[in-house]
N, C-alpha and C. Protein backbone atom coordinates (compact mmCIF):
# COMPACT_ATOMS: atom_id res chain seq x y z
N MET A 1 0.82 -1.19 0.00
CA MET A 1 0.00 0.00 0.00
C MET A 1 0.87 1.26 0.00
N ARG A 2 1.92 1.23 0.81
CA ARG A 2 2.77 2.41 0.92
C ARG A 2 3.48 2.71 -0.40
N GLY A 3 3.85 1.68 -1.14
CA GLY A 3 4.53 1.86 -2.41
C GLY A 3 3.66 2.53 -3.46
N LYS A 4 2.38 2.17 -3.52
CA LYS A 4 1.47 2.78 -4.49
C LYS A 4 1.27 4.25 -4.20
N ALA A 5 1.07 4.60 -2.93
CA ALA A 5 0.85 6.00 -2.56
C ALA A 5 2.10 6.83 -2.84
N GLY A 6 3.26 6.26 -2.53
CA GLY A 6 4.51 6.98 -2.79
C GLY A 6 4.74 7.18 -4.27
N GLY A 7 4.38 6.18 -5.07
CA GLY A 7 4.52 6.28 -6.51
C GLY A 7 3.61 7.34 -7.11
N LYS A 8 2.39 7.42 -6.58
CA LYS A 8 1.45 8.43 -7.06
C LYS A 8 1.94 9.83 -6.72
N LEU A 9 2.47 9.99 -5.50
CA LEU A 9 2.98 11.31 -5.11
C LEU A 9 4.17 11.71 -5.97
N THR A 10 5.03 10.75 -6.28
CA THR A 10 6.18 11.04 -7.14
C THR A 10 5.71 11.45 -8.53
N LEU A 11 4.72 10.74 -9.05
CA LEU A 11 4.19 11.07 -10.38
C LEU A 11 3.56 12.46 -10.38
N ILE A 12 2.79 12.78 -9.37
CA ILE A 12 2.16 14.11 -9.28
C ILE A 12 3.22 15.19 -9.19
N ALA A 13 4.24 14.97 -8.35
CA ALA A 13 5.32 15.95 -8.22
C ALA A 13 6.03 16.15 -9.55
N ALA A 14 6.29 15.06 -10.27
CA ALA A 14 6.97 15.16 -11.57
C ALA A 14 6.11 15.92 -12.58
N LEU A 15 4.81 15.66 -12.59
CA LEU A 15 3.91 16.37 -13.50
C LEU A 15 3.85 17.86 -13.19
N LEU A 16 3.76 18.20 -11.91
CA LEU A 16 3.71 19.61 -11.53
C LEU A 16 5.00 20.32 -11.92
N PHE A 17 6.14 19.69 -11.71
CA PHE A 17 7.42 20.28 -12.08
C PHE A 17 7.50 20.47 -13.59
N THR A 18 7.08 19.47 -14.35
CA THR A 18 7.10 19.55 -15.81
C THR A 18 6.19 20.67 -16.30
N MET A 19 5.00 20.79 -15.72
CA MET A 19 4.08 21.86 -16.11
C MET A 19 4.67 23.22 -15.81
N HIS A 20 5.34 23.36 -14.67
CA HIS A 20 5.95 24.64 -14.29
C HIS A 20 7.05 25.02 -15.28
N VAL A 21 7.91 24.05 -15.63
CA VAL A 21 8.99 24.31 -16.57
C VAL A 21 8.42 24.65 -17.94
N ALA A 22 7.39 23.93 -18.40
CA ALA A 22 6.78 24.19 -19.70
C ALA A 22 6.14 25.57 -19.72
N ALA A 23 5.52 25.96 -18.62
CA ALA A 23 4.86 27.27 -18.56
C ALA A 23 5.87 28.40 -18.66
N GLN A 24 7.05 28.21 -18.09
CA GLN A 24 8.06 29.26 -18.15
C GLN A 24 8.64 29.42 -19.55
N ASP A 25 8.54 28.39 -20.39
CA ASP A 25 9.16 28.43 -21.71
C ASP A 25 8.13 28.51 -22.84
N ASN A 26 6.91 28.93 -22.54
CA ASN A 26 5.88 29.02 -23.57
C ASN A 26 6.04 30.34 -24.31
N ARG A 27 6.68 30.30 -25.45
CA ARG A 27 6.97 31.52 -26.22
C ARG A 27 5.70 32.21 -26.73
N ALA A 28 4.63 31.45 -26.93
CA ALA A 28 3.38 32.04 -27.42
C ALA A 28 2.77 32.99 -26.39
N TRP A 29 3.17 32.84 -25.13
CA TRP A 29 2.66 33.73 -24.08
C TRP A 29 3.23 35.13 -24.21
N THR A 30 4.38 35.25 -24.84
CA THR A 30 5.03 36.56 -24.97
C THR A 30 5.14 37.01 -26.43
N ARG A 31 4.54 36.28 -27.33
CA ARG A 31 4.56 36.65 -28.75
C ARG A 31 3.43 37.62 -29.02
N PRO A 32 3.72 38.78 -29.62
CA PRO A 32 2.67 39.78 -29.89
C PRO A 32 1.57 39.24 -30.79
N PHE A 33 0.36 39.76 -30.58
CA PHE A 33 -0.79 39.41 -31.39
C PHE A 33 -1.57 40.69 -31.63
N PRO A 34 -2.03 40.95 -32.85
CA PRO A 34 -2.72 42.21 -33.13
C PRO A 34 -4.00 42.37 -32.31
N PRO A 35 -4.19 43.51 -31.69
CA PRO A 35 -5.44 43.74 -30.94
C PRO A 35 -6.63 43.79 -31.90
N PHE A 36 -7.82 43.43 -31.39
CA PHE A 36 -9.00 43.51 -32.24
C PHE A 36 -10.24 43.79 -31.40
N HIS A 37 -11.22 44.37 -32.05
CA HIS A 37 -12.48 44.74 -31.43
C HIS A 37 -13.33 43.49 -31.24
N ILE A 38 -13.87 43.31 -30.04
CA ILE A 38 -14.75 42.16 -29.77
C ILE A 38 -16.19 42.61 -29.92
N ALA A 39 -16.61 43.57 -29.09
CA ALA A 39 -17.98 44.11 -29.15
C ALA A 39 -18.04 45.33 -28.25
N GLY A 40 -18.87 46.29 -28.65
CA GLY A 40 -19.06 47.48 -27.81
C GLY A 40 -17.74 48.15 -27.49
N ASN A 41 -17.43 48.27 -26.20
CA ASN A 41 -16.19 48.92 -25.78
C ASN A 41 -15.15 47.90 -25.30
N LEU A 42 -15.23 46.65 -25.78
CA LEU A 42 -14.34 45.58 -25.36
C LEU A 42 -13.41 45.17 -26.50
N TYR A 43 -12.11 45.10 -26.19
CA TYR A 43 -11.09 44.78 -27.17
C TYR A 43 -10.17 43.68 -26.65
N TYR A 44 -9.75 42.78 -27.54
CA TYR A 44 -8.72 41.80 -27.21
C TYR A 44 -7.38 42.47 -27.42
N VAL A 45 -6.52 42.43 -26.41
CA VAL A 45 -5.20 43.05 -26.51
C VAL A 45 -4.11 42.12 -26.00
N GLY A 46 -4.40 40.82 -25.94
CA GLY A 46 -3.45 39.87 -25.37
C GLY A 46 -2.36 39.45 -26.32
N SER A 47 -1.58 38.48 -25.86
CA SER A 47 -0.52 37.91 -26.69
C SER A 47 -1.12 36.79 -27.54
N GLU A 48 -0.28 36.06 -28.22
CA GLU A 48 -0.76 34.99 -29.09
C GLU A 48 -1.50 33.90 -28.31
N ASP A 49 -1.08 33.64 -27.07
CA ASP A 49 -1.67 32.52 -26.33
C ASP A 49 -2.21 32.89 -24.95
N LEU A 50 -2.11 34.15 -24.54
CA LEU A 50 -2.68 34.59 -23.26
C LEU A 50 -3.65 35.74 -23.53
N ALA A 51 -4.87 35.56 -23.08
CA ALA A 51 -5.90 36.57 -23.34
C ALA A 51 -5.82 37.72 -22.34
N SER A 52 -5.87 38.92 -22.85
CA SER A 52 -6.02 40.15 -22.07
C SER A 52 -7.04 40.99 -22.79
N TYR A 53 -7.79 41.77 -22.03
CA TYR A 53 -8.87 42.56 -22.62
C TYR A 53 -8.75 44.01 -22.17
N LEU A 54 -9.14 44.91 -23.06
CA LEU A 54 -9.17 46.32 -22.74
C LEU A 54 -10.62 46.79 -22.82
N VAL A 55 -11.09 47.35 -21.71
CA VAL A 55 -12.43 47.93 -21.67
C VAL A 55 -12.22 49.44 -21.75
N VAL A 56 -12.75 50.06 -22.79
CA VAL A 56 -12.56 51.48 -23.03
C VAL A 56 -13.76 52.25 -22.49
N THR A 57 -13.49 53.20 -21.60
CA THR A 57 -14.56 54.03 -21.03
C THR A 57 -14.16 55.49 -21.15
N PRO A 58 -15.12 56.40 -21.10
CA PRO A 58 -14.78 57.83 -21.17
C PRO A 58 -13.92 58.29 -19.99
N ARG A 59 -13.99 57.60 -18.88
CA ARG A 59 -13.24 58.01 -17.68
C ARG A 59 -11.89 57.31 -17.56
N GLY A 60 -11.56 56.47 -18.52
CA GLY A 60 -10.29 55.75 -18.48
C GLY A 60 -10.46 54.33 -18.98
N ASN A 61 -9.36 53.72 -19.31
CA ASN A 61 -9.38 52.37 -19.85
C ASN A 61 -9.03 51.36 -18.76
N ILE A 62 -9.60 50.17 -18.86
CA ILE A 62 -9.39 49.13 -17.86
C ILE A 62 -8.77 47.93 -18.55
N LEU A 63 -7.60 47.53 -18.09
CA LEU A 63 -6.93 46.35 -18.61
C LEU A 63 -7.30 45.17 -17.73
N VAL A 64 -7.88 44.14 -18.33
CA VAL A 64 -8.34 42.96 -17.60
C VAL A 64 -7.43 41.79 -17.93
N ASN A 65 -6.90 41.15 -16.88
CA ASN A 65 -6.07 39.96 -17.02
C ASN A 65 -4.76 40.28 -17.72
N SER A 66 -3.91 41.05 -17.05
CA SER A 66 -2.64 41.44 -17.66
C SER A 66 -1.61 40.32 -17.64
N ASN A 67 -1.92 39.18 -17.03
CA ASN A 67 -1.14 37.94 -17.08
C ASN A 67 0.24 38.05 -16.46
N LEU A 68 1.28 38.06 -17.26
CA LEU A 68 2.67 38.07 -16.79
C LEU A 68 3.15 39.49 -16.52
N ALA A 69 4.24 39.60 -15.79
CA ALA A 69 4.83 40.92 -15.54
C ALA A 69 5.24 41.59 -16.86
N SER A 70 5.58 40.79 -17.84
CA SER A 70 6.00 41.34 -19.14
C SER A 70 4.81 41.68 -20.05
N SER A 71 3.60 41.31 -19.66
CA SER A 71 2.44 41.53 -20.54
C SER A 71 2.08 43.00 -20.75
N PRO A 72 1.97 43.85 -19.71
CA PRO A 72 1.58 45.25 -19.97
C PRO A 72 2.51 45.97 -20.94
N PRO A 73 3.84 45.86 -20.82
CA PRO A 73 4.69 46.52 -21.82
C PRO A 73 4.47 45.97 -23.24
N LEU A 74 4.25 44.67 -23.36
CA LEU A 74 3.98 44.06 -24.66
C LEU A 74 2.68 44.59 -25.25
N ILE A 75 1.66 44.72 -24.40
CA ILE A 75 0.36 45.24 -24.83
C ILE A 75 0.50 46.69 -25.30
N LYS A 76 1.21 47.51 -24.53
CA LYS A 76 1.43 48.91 -24.93
C LYS A 76 2.15 49.00 -26.27
N LYS A 77 3.17 48.18 -26.44
CA LYS A 77 3.93 48.18 -27.70
C LYS A 77 3.03 47.78 -28.87
N THR A 78 2.23 46.75 -28.68
CA THR A 78 1.33 46.29 -29.74
C THR A 78 0.32 47.37 -30.10
N LEU A 79 -0.23 48.06 -29.09
CA LEU A 79 -1.19 49.13 -29.36
C LEU A 79 -0.53 50.29 -30.09
N ARG A 80 0.71 50.63 -29.71
CA ARG A 80 1.42 51.71 -30.40
C ARG A 80 1.68 51.35 -31.86
N LEU A 81 2.10 50.11 -32.11
CA LEU A 81 2.34 49.68 -33.49
C LEU A 81 1.06 49.72 -34.31
N SER A 82 -0.04 49.31 -33.69
CA SER A 82 -1.33 49.35 -34.39
C SER A 82 -1.71 50.79 -34.72
N ALA A 83 -1.43 51.70 -33.78
CA ALA A 83 -1.76 53.11 -34.00
C ALA A 83 -0.91 53.70 -35.13
N SER A 84 0.36 53.33 -35.18
CA SER A 84 1.22 53.89 -36.23
C SER A 84 0.86 53.36 -37.60
N ASN A 85 0.19 52.22 -37.66
CA ASN A 85 -0.26 51.65 -38.94
C ASN A 85 -1.66 52.10 -39.31
N SER A 86 -2.30 52.89 -38.45
CA SER A 86 -3.68 53.30 -38.68
C SER A 86 -3.75 54.60 -39.47
N PRO A 87 -4.42 54.59 -40.61
CA PRO A 87 -4.55 55.84 -41.37
C PRO A 87 -5.57 56.79 -40.73
N THR A 88 -6.38 56.29 -39.79
CA THR A 88 -7.42 57.12 -39.18
C THR A 88 -7.12 57.42 -37.71
N GLN A 89 -5.85 57.43 -37.35
CA GLN A 89 -5.48 57.64 -35.96
C GLN A 89 -5.99 58.99 -35.46
N LYS A 90 -6.60 58.99 -34.27
CA LYS A 90 -7.09 60.21 -33.65
C LYS A 90 -6.40 60.39 -32.32
N SER A 91 -6.31 61.63 -31.84
CA SER A 91 -5.67 61.84 -30.55
C SER A 91 -6.47 62.77 -29.65
N SER A 92 -7.77 62.89 -29.89
CA SER A 92 -8.57 63.82 -29.10
C SER A 92 -8.72 63.39 -27.66
N SER A 93 -8.78 62.09 -27.40
CA SER A 93 -8.84 61.60 -26.02
C SER A 93 -8.26 60.21 -25.98
N SER A 94 -7.89 59.78 -24.79
CA SER A 94 -7.30 58.46 -24.63
C SER A 94 -8.26 57.37 -25.08
N ALA A 95 -9.52 57.49 -24.70
CA ALA A 95 -10.51 56.46 -25.06
C ALA A 95 -10.70 56.39 -26.57
N THR A 96 -10.85 57.54 -27.21
CA THR A 96 -11.03 57.56 -28.67
C THR A 96 -9.79 57.01 -29.35
N HIS A 97 -8.63 57.40 -28.85
CA HIS A 97 -7.37 56.95 -29.42
C HIS A 97 -7.26 55.43 -29.33
N THR A 98 -7.56 54.86 -28.17
CA THR A 98 -7.46 53.42 -27.99
C THR A 98 -8.47 52.69 -28.85
N MET A 99 -9.68 53.22 -28.97
CA MET A 99 -10.70 52.59 -29.81
C MET A 99 -10.25 52.61 -31.26
N THR A 100 -9.66 53.71 -31.69
CA THR A 100 -9.18 53.82 -33.07
C THR A 100 -8.07 52.79 -33.31
N ILE A 101 -7.19 52.65 -32.34
CA ILE A 101 -6.10 51.67 -32.45
C ILE A 101 -6.68 50.27 -32.63
N ALA A 102 -7.60 49.90 -31.77
CA ALA A 102 -8.16 48.56 -31.81
C ALA A 102 -8.94 48.33 -33.10
N ARG A 103 -9.68 49.33 -33.55
CA ARG A 103 -10.45 49.17 -34.79
C ARG A 103 -9.52 49.01 -35.99
N ALA A 104 -8.45 49.79 -36.01
CA ALA A 104 -7.51 49.71 -37.12
C ALA A 104 -6.84 48.34 -37.15
N ALA A 105 -6.55 47.77 -36.00
CA ALA A 105 -5.92 46.46 -35.95
C ALA A 105 -6.89 45.37 -36.38
N HIS A 106 -8.17 45.61 -36.21
CA HIS A 106 -9.18 44.62 -36.55
C HIS A 106 -9.40 44.52 -38.06
N ARG A 107 -9.14 45.59 -38.79
CA ARG A 107 -9.38 45.63 -40.25
C ARG A 107 -8.49 44.70 -41.01
């Protein structure tokens, strides 16, 4: 009985360690992905494999699920690149600007 329980614990520990190592090396988590409009004032702004969302409001924008410590800078960079590629970029307000960025990336 003791051998089976010990074997199961060893297997679980090995799986958890393997999952942790795999999670640290998942390049798709840090690979940029173009932001796009989902509906209303909601935009996808995540990486290739980790979802992050931007809720645009007149009083400020809300970033939901920023994931890794490296995610917010990646999201900002992606939004800036989308804005520089947008022929209809506006700068009257932060909310309008962000919506324009996301719409341009969606096209």
